[in-house]
């Protein structure tokens, strides 16, 4: 089984758009996570979410990897974009949609999936 660090790194590097959030898209547990999810959805992003709430180690490992202490964290093609405020600002300026078009193509499929991390 992969370590928690490896699992988180895999999601960041292998998913086109990753959102580490509190809760799931069906049951968001934080206003900022909801705002980031809505901004990504509005920009037409395919979103892969990871709920950081099941275990405090998920948040600790994520912060260790990124150096960014707050949740949510949004990644596009392995690059940390930021949290809810930055994601909303990029959406408002049109930069988020441009970034997604450049990185993923304008004909990308918009879907939302949840990736559970295996905790030992």
N, C-alpha and C. Protein backbone atom coordinates (compact mmCIF):
# COMPACT_ATOMS: atom_id res chain seq x y z
N UNK A 1 0.84 -1.19 0.00
CA UNK A 1 0.00 0.00 0.00
C UNK A 1 0.88 1.25 0.00
N UNK A 2 0.45 2.23 -0.75
CA UNK A 2 1.21 3.49 -0.81
C UNK A 2 1.05 4.28 0.48
N UNK A 3 2.08 5.06 0.79
CA UNK A 3 1.98 5.93 1.96
C UNK A 3 0.97 7.04 1.67
N UNK A 4 0.53 7.70 2.70
CA UNK A 4 -0.39 8.82 2.56
C UNK A 4 0.25 9.91 1.70
N UNK A 5 1.53 10.19 1.93
CA UNK A 5 2.25 11.19 1.15
C UNK A 5 2.23 10.82 -0.33
N UNK A 6 2.47 9.54 -0.65
CA UNK A 6 2.47 9.09 -2.05
C UNK A 6 1.08 9.20 -2.67
N UNK A 7 0.06 8.85 -1.90
CA UNK A 7 -1.31 8.94 -2.41
C UNK A 7 -1.68 10.39 -2.75
N UNK A 8 -1.34 11.31 -1.85
CA UNK A 8 -1.64 12.73 -2.07
C UNK A 8 -0.85 13.24 -3.27
N UNK A 9 0.42 12.90 -3.34
CA UNK A 9 1.27 13.31 -4.46
C UNK A 9 0.73 12.77 -5.78
N UNK A 10 0.24 11.53 -5.78
CA UNK A 10 -0.34 10.94 -6.99
C UNK A 10 -1.55 11.73 -7.47
N UNK A 11 -2.43 12.11 -6.55
CA UNK A 11 -3.62 12.87 -6.92
C UNK A 11 -3.19 14.21 -7.52
N UNK A 12 -2.25 14.90 -6.87
CA UNK A 12 -1.79 16.20 -7.34
C UNK A 12 -1.19 16.09 -8.74
N UNK A 13 -0.35 15.08 -8.95
CA UNK A 13 0.35 15.00 -10.23
C UNK A 13 -0.44 14.32 -11.34
N UNK A 14 -1.38 13.45 -11.01
CA UNK A 14 -2.08 12.67 -12.04
C UNK A 14 -3.47 13.18 -12.40
N UNK A 15 -4.08 13.96 -11.53
CA UNK A 15 -5.43 14.46 -11.83
C UNK A 15 -5.32 15.83 -12.49
N UNK A 16 -6.10 16.08 -13.56
CA UNK A 16 -6.01 17.39 -14.24
C UNK A 16 -6.30 18.56 -13.31
N UNK A 17 -7.36 18.43 -12.51
CA UNK A 17 -7.70 19.46 -11.52
C UNK A 17 -8.03 18.74 -10.21
N UNK A 18 -7.27 19.07 -9.17
CA UNK A 18 -7.48 18.44 -7.87
C UNK A 18 -7.90 19.50 -6.86
N UNK A 19 -8.91 19.17 -6.06
CA UNK A 19 -9.39 20.06 -5.00
C UNK A 19 -9.37 19.28 -3.69
N UNK A 20 -8.48 19.69 -2.80
CA UNK A 20 -8.45 19.13 -1.45
C UNK A 20 -9.37 20.01 -0.62
N UNK A 21 -10.43 19.40 -0.09
CA UNK A 21 -11.49 20.18 0.54
C UNK A 21 -11.98 19.52 1.82
N UNK A 22 -12.79 20.28 2.55
CA UNK A 22 -13.46 19.74 3.73
C UNK A 22 -14.82 19.24 3.28
N UNK A 23 -14.97 17.91 3.31
CA UNK A 23 -16.22 17.31 2.86
C UNK A 23 -16.10 16.80 1.44
N UNK A 24 -17.25 16.52 0.84
CA UNK A 24 -17.33 16.03 -0.54
C UNK A 24 -18.22 16.99 -1.33
N UNK A 25 -18.20 16.89 -2.66
CA UNK A 25 -19.09 17.76 -3.44
C UNK A 25 -20.56 17.60 -3.05
N UNK A 26 -20.94 16.39 -2.62
CA UNK A 26 -22.33 16.14 -2.21
C UNK A 26 -22.62 16.67 -0.81
N UNK A 27 -21.58 16.78 0.01
CA UNK A 27 -21.77 17.23 1.38
C UNK A 27 -20.57 18.08 1.80
N UNK A 28 -20.55 19.32 1.33
CA UNK A 28 -19.45 20.24 1.62
C UNK A 28 -19.55 20.68 3.07
N UNK A 29 -18.42 20.63 3.78
CA UNK A 29 -18.41 20.94 5.21
C UNK A 29 -17.74 22.27 5.54
N UNK A 30 -17.54 23.12 4.53
CA UNK A 30 -16.83 24.38 4.76
C UNK A 30 -17.19 25.36 3.66
N UNK A 31 -17.44 26.59 4.05
CA UNK A 31 -17.82 27.63 3.08
C UNK A 31 -16.74 27.87 2.04
N UNK A 32 -15.48 27.90 2.45
CA UNK A 32 -14.41 28.15 1.49
C UNK A 32 -14.26 26.99 0.51
N UNK A 33 -14.42 25.77 0.98
CA UNK A 33 -14.37 24.62 0.08
C UNK A 33 -15.50 24.72 -0.94
N UNK A 34 -16.68 25.14 -0.49
CA UNK A 34 -17.82 25.30 -1.38
C UNK A 34 -17.53 26.37 -2.44
N UNK A 35 -16.93 27.47 -2.03
CA UNK A 35 -16.61 28.56 -2.97
C UNK A 35 -15.61 28.11 -4.03
N UNK A 36 -14.59 27.37 -3.62
CA UNK A 36 -13.59 26.88 -4.57
C UNK A 36 -14.23 25.89 -5.55
N UNK A 37 -15.07 25.01 -5.03
CA UNK A 37 -15.77 24.03 -5.87
C UNK A 37 -16.65 24.73 -6.90
N UNK A 38 -17.40 25.73 -6.45
CA UNK A 38 -18.29 26.48 -7.35
C UNK A 38 -17.51 27.22 -8.43
N UNK A 39 -16.38 27.82 -8.07
CA UNK A 39 -15.56 28.54 -9.04
C UNK A 39 -15.02 27.59 -10.10
N UNK A 40 -14.53 26.43 -9.68
CA UNK A 40 -14.02 25.44 -10.63
C UNK A 40 -15.13 24.94 -11.53
N UNK A 41 -16.29 24.70 -10.94
CA UNK A 41 -17.44 24.23 -11.71
C UNK A 41 -17.85 25.28 -12.75
N UNK A 42 -17.89 26.54 -12.34
CA UNK A 42 -18.28 27.63 -13.24
C UNK A 42 -17.30 27.78 -14.40
N UNK A 43 -16.02 27.43 -14.17
CA UNK A 43 -15.01 27.53 -15.22
C UNK A 43 -14.98 26.29 -16.12
N UNK A 44 -15.83 25.32 -15.81
CA UNK A 44 -15.90 24.12 -16.63
C UNK A 44 -14.80 23.12 -16.38
N UNK A 45 -14.28 23.10 -15.15
CA UNK A 45 -13.17 22.20 -14.83
C UNK A 45 -13.65 20.78 -14.55
N UNK A 46 -12.87 19.78 -14.97
CA UNK A 46 -13.09 18.43 -14.47
C UNK A 46 -12.46 18.39 -13.08
N UNK A 47 -13.23 18.10 -12.07
CA UNK A 47 -12.75 18.26 -10.69
C UNK A 47 -12.61 16.91 -10.01
N UNK A 48 -11.44 16.67 -9.45
CA UNK A 48 -11.22 15.50 -8.60
C UNK A 48 -11.06 16.03 -7.18
N UNK A 49 -11.91 15.56 -6.28
CA UNK A 49 -11.87 16.07 -4.91
C UNK A 49 -11.33 15.02 -3.96
N UNK A 50 -10.67 15.52 -2.90
CA UNK A 50 -10.22 14.69 -1.81
C UNK A 50 -10.71 15.34 -0.52
N UNK A 51 -11.44 14.58 0.28
CA UNK A 51 -11.93 15.05 1.57
C UNK A 51 -10.80 14.92 2.58
N UNK A 52 -10.41 16.03 3.21
CA UNK A 52 -9.31 15.98 4.18
C UNK A 52 -9.81 15.69 5.60
N UNK A 53 -11.11 15.61 5.80
CA UNK A 53 -11.66 15.47 7.15
C UNK A 53 -11.55 14.08 7.80
N UNK A 54 -11.51 12.97 7.04
CA UNK A 54 -11.49 11.67 7.72
C UNK A 54 -10.32 11.46 8.67
N UNK A 55 -9.20 12.14 8.45
CA UNK A 55 -8.03 11.91 9.29
C UNK A 55 -7.16 13.16 9.28
N UNK A 56 -6.74 13.66 10.45
CA UNK A 56 -5.92 14.87 10.51
C UNK A 56 -4.58 14.72 9.77
N UNK A 57 -4.13 13.46 9.59
CA UNK A 57 -2.86 13.25 8.90
C UNK A 57 -2.93 13.70 7.44
N UNK A 58 -4.12 13.64 6.83
CA UNK A 58 -4.25 14.06 5.42
C UNK A 58 -3.86 15.53 5.30
N UNK A 59 -4.42 16.34 6.16
CA UNK A 59 -4.12 17.78 6.12
C UNK A 59 -2.64 18.03 6.43
N UNK A 60 -2.09 17.31 7.40
CA UNK A 60 -0.67 17.47 7.77
C UNK A 60 0.24 17.12 6.60
N UNK A 61 -0.03 16.01 5.94
CA UNK A 61 0.79 15.59 4.79
C UNK A 61 0.66 16.57 3.63
N UNK A 62 -0.57 17.02 3.38
CA UNK A 62 -0.80 17.97 2.29
C UNK A 62 -0.02 19.26 2.54
N UNK A 63 -0.10 19.78 3.76
CA UNK A 63 0.62 21.00 4.11
C UNK A 63 2.13 20.80 4.00
N UNK A 64 2.60 19.60 4.37
CA UNK A 64 4.04 19.30 4.27
C UNK A 64 4.49 19.29 2.81
N UNK A 65 3.64 18.78 1.93
CA UNK A 65 3.97 18.69 0.50
C UNK A 65 3.95 20.07 -0.14
N UNK A 66 2.94 20.87 0.18
CA UNK A 66 2.72 22.13 -0.55
C UNK A 66 3.27 23.37 0.15
N UNK A 67 3.44 23.28 1.47
CA UNK A 67 3.84 24.47 2.22
C UNK A 67 2.70 25.47 2.36
N UNK A 68 1.48 25.04 2.07
CA UNK A 68 0.30 25.90 2.13
C UNK A 68 -0.58 25.36 3.26
N UNK A 69 -0.79 26.12 4.34
CA UNK A 69 -1.44 25.55 5.52
C UNK A 69 -2.97 25.46 5.47
N UNK A 70 -3.61 26.23 4.59
CA UNK A 70 -5.07 26.30 4.64
C UNK A 70 -5.74 25.38 3.63
N UNK A 71 -7.00 25.11 3.90
CA UNK A 71 -7.86 24.29 3.05
C UNK A 71 -9.01 25.20 2.62
N UNK A 72 -9.46 25.17 1.40
CA UNK A 72 -9.13 24.22 0.33
C UNK A 72 -7.81 24.55 -0.38
N UNK A 73 -7.33 23.56 -1.13
CA UNK A 73 -6.19 23.77 -2.02
C UNK A 73 -6.57 23.25 -3.40
N UNK A 74 -6.35 24.11 -4.40
CA UNK A 74 -6.70 23.79 -5.78
C UNK A 74 -5.41 23.62 -6.59
N UNK A 75 -5.36 22.53 -7.36
CA UNK A 75 -4.22 22.26 -8.23
C UNK A 75 -4.71 22.07 -9.66
N UNK A 76 -3.97 22.64 -10.62
CA UNK A 76 -4.23 22.40 -12.03
C UNK A 76 -2.94 21.84 -12.62
N UNK A 77 -3.04 20.63 -13.15
CA UNK A 77 -1.88 19.94 -13.75
C UNK A 77 -0.68 19.94 -12.80
N UNK A 78 -0.94 19.64 -11.53
CA UNK A 78 0.13 19.51 -10.56
C UNK A 78 0.61 20.80 -9.95
N UNK A 79 0.09 21.92 -10.41
CA UNK A 79 0.53 23.23 -9.90
C UNK A 79 -0.48 23.78 -8.91
N UNK A 80 0.00 24.19 -7.72
CA UNK A 80 -0.88 24.78 -6.72
C UNK A 80 -1.38 26.13 -7.21
N UNK A 81 -2.68 26.25 -7.35
CA UNK A 81 -3.30 27.52 -7.76
C UNK A 81 -3.54 28.38 -6.53
N UNK A 82 -4.06 27.76 -5.45
CA UNK A 82 -4.34 28.48 -4.22
C UNK A 82 -5.61 27.99 -3.58
N UNK A 83 -6.21 28.86 -2.78
CA UNK A 83 -7.43 28.52 -2.06
C UNK A 83 -8.65 29.14 -2.72
N UNK A 84 -9.70 29.33 -1.92
CA UNK A 84 -10.98 29.81 -2.45
C UNK A 84 -10.87 31.23 -3.01
N UNK A 85 -10.23 32.14 -2.27
CA UNK A 85 -10.15 33.54 -2.72
C UNK A 85 -9.44 33.65 -4.06
N UNK A 86 -8.28 33.01 -4.17
CA UNK A 86 -7.50 33.08 -5.40
C UNK A 86 -8.27 32.44 -6.56
N UNK A 87 -8.90 31.30 -6.30
CA UNK A 87 -9.65 30.60 -7.35
C UNK A 87 -10.81 31.46 -7.84
N UNK A 88 -11.50 32.13 -6.90
CA UNK A 88 -12.61 33.02 -7.29
C UNK A 88 -12.11 34.23 -8.07
N UNK A 89 -10.97 34.79 -7.66
CA UNK A 89 -10.39 35.93 -8.38
C UNK A 89 -10.01 35.53 -9.80
N UNK A 90 -9.41 34.35 -9.96
CA UNK A 90 -9.02 33.87 -11.28
C UNK A 90 -10.26 33.63 -12.15
N UNK A 91 -11.34 33.13 -11.54
CA UNK A 91 -12.59 32.93 -12.27
C UNK A 91 -13.13 34.26 -12.76
N UNK A 92 -13.18 35.24 -11.85
CA UNK A 92 -13.75 36.56 -12.18
C UNK A 92 -12.97 37.25 -13.29
N UNK A 93 -11.65 37.08 -13.31
CA UNK A 93 -10.82 37.74 -14.32
C UNK A 93 -10.80 36.98 -15.64
N UNK A 94 -11.33 35.76 -15.64
CA UNK A 94 -11.30 34.94 -16.84
C UNK A 94 -10.02 34.11 -16.94
N UNK A 95 -9.10 34.33 -16.01
CA UNK A 95 -7.81 33.65 -16.07
C UNK A 95 -7.94 32.15 -15.77
N UNK A 96 -8.89 31.78 -14.92
CA UNK A 96 -9.06 30.37 -14.58
C UNK A 96 -9.49 29.58 -15.82
N UNK A 97 -10.48 30.09 -16.55
CA UNK A 97 -10.93 29.40 -17.76
C UNK A 97 -9.81 29.33 -18.80
N UNK A 98 -9.03 30.41 -18.94
CA UNK A 98 -7.90 30.40 -19.88
C UNK A 98 -6.86 29.36 -19.48
N UNK A 99 -6.57 29.29 -18.19
CA UNK A 99 -5.59 28.32 -17.70
C UNK A 99 -6.07 26.90 -17.98
N UNK A 100 -7.35 26.65 -17.72
CA UNK A 100 -7.91 25.32 -17.97
C UNK A 100 -7.89 24.99 -19.46
N UNK A 101 -8.22 25.98 -20.31
CA UNK A 101 -8.18 25.78 -21.76
C UNK A 101 -6.76 25.44 -22.21
N UNK A 102 -5.78 26.22 -21.70
CA UNK A 102 -4.38 26.02 -22.08
C UNK A 102 -3.86 24.66 -21.63
N UNK A 103 -4.17 24.29 -20.39
CA UNK A 103 -3.62 23.07 -19.81
C UNK A 103 -4.38 21.80 -20.21
N UNK A 104 -5.71 21.92 -20.36
CA UNK A 104 -6.54 20.73 -20.54
C UNK A 104 -7.28 20.70 -21.87
N UNK A 105 -7.26 21.82 -22.61
CA UNK A 105 -8.01 21.89 -23.86
C UNK A 105 -9.42 22.39 -23.64
N UNK A 106 -9.93 23.13 -24.62
CA UNK A 106 -11.26 23.74 -24.49
C UNK A 106 -12.37 22.69 -24.55
N UNK A 107 -12.07 21.52 -25.11
CA UNK A 107 -13.10 20.49 -25.25
C UNK A 107 -13.08 19.48 -24.10
N UNK A 108 -12.52 19.90 -22.96
CA UNK A 108 -12.41 19.00 -21.81
C UNK A 108 -13.79 18.58 -21.31
N UNK A 109 -13.82 17.40 -20.75
CA UNK A 109 -15.06 16.87 -20.20
C UNK A 109 -15.20 17.35 -18.77
N UNK A 110 -16.35 17.93 -18.45
CA UNK A 110 -16.56 18.40 -17.09
C UNK A 110 -17.20 17.29 -16.28
N UNK A 111 -16.48 16.85 -15.27
CA UNK A 111 -16.98 15.80 -14.38
C UNK A 111 -16.46 16.08 -12.99
N UNK A 112 -17.11 15.49 -12.03
CA UNK A 112 -16.65 15.62 -10.64
C UNK A 112 -16.50 14.22 -10.09
N UNK A 113 -15.32 13.93 -9.54
CA UNK A 113 -15.12 12.63 -8.91
C UNK A 113 -14.45 12.82 -7.56
N UNK A 114 -14.67 11.83 -6.72
CA UNK A 114 -14.11 11.85 -5.36
C UNK A 114 -13.09 10.72 -5.27
N UNK A 115 -11.90 11.04 -4.78
CA UNK A 115 -10.86 10.03 -4.57
C UNK A 115 -10.68 9.83 -3.07
N UNK A 116 -11.02 8.65 -2.58
CA UNK A 116 -10.78 8.36 -1.16
C UNK A 116 -9.32 7.95 -0.96
N UNK A 117 -8.71 8.40 0.09
CA UNK A 117 -7.35 8.00 0.42
C UNK A 117 -7.41 6.80 1.36
N UNK A 118 -6.49 5.87 1.17
CA UNK A 118 -6.46 4.69 2.03
C UNK A 118 -5.66 5.02 3.29
N UNK A 119 -6.31 4.92 4.41
CA UNK A 119 -5.66 5.22 5.69
C UNK A 119 -5.41 3.92 6.42
N UNK A 120 -4.18 3.79 6.93
CA UNK A 120 -3.88 2.54 7.65
C UNK A 120 -3.94 2.79 9.14
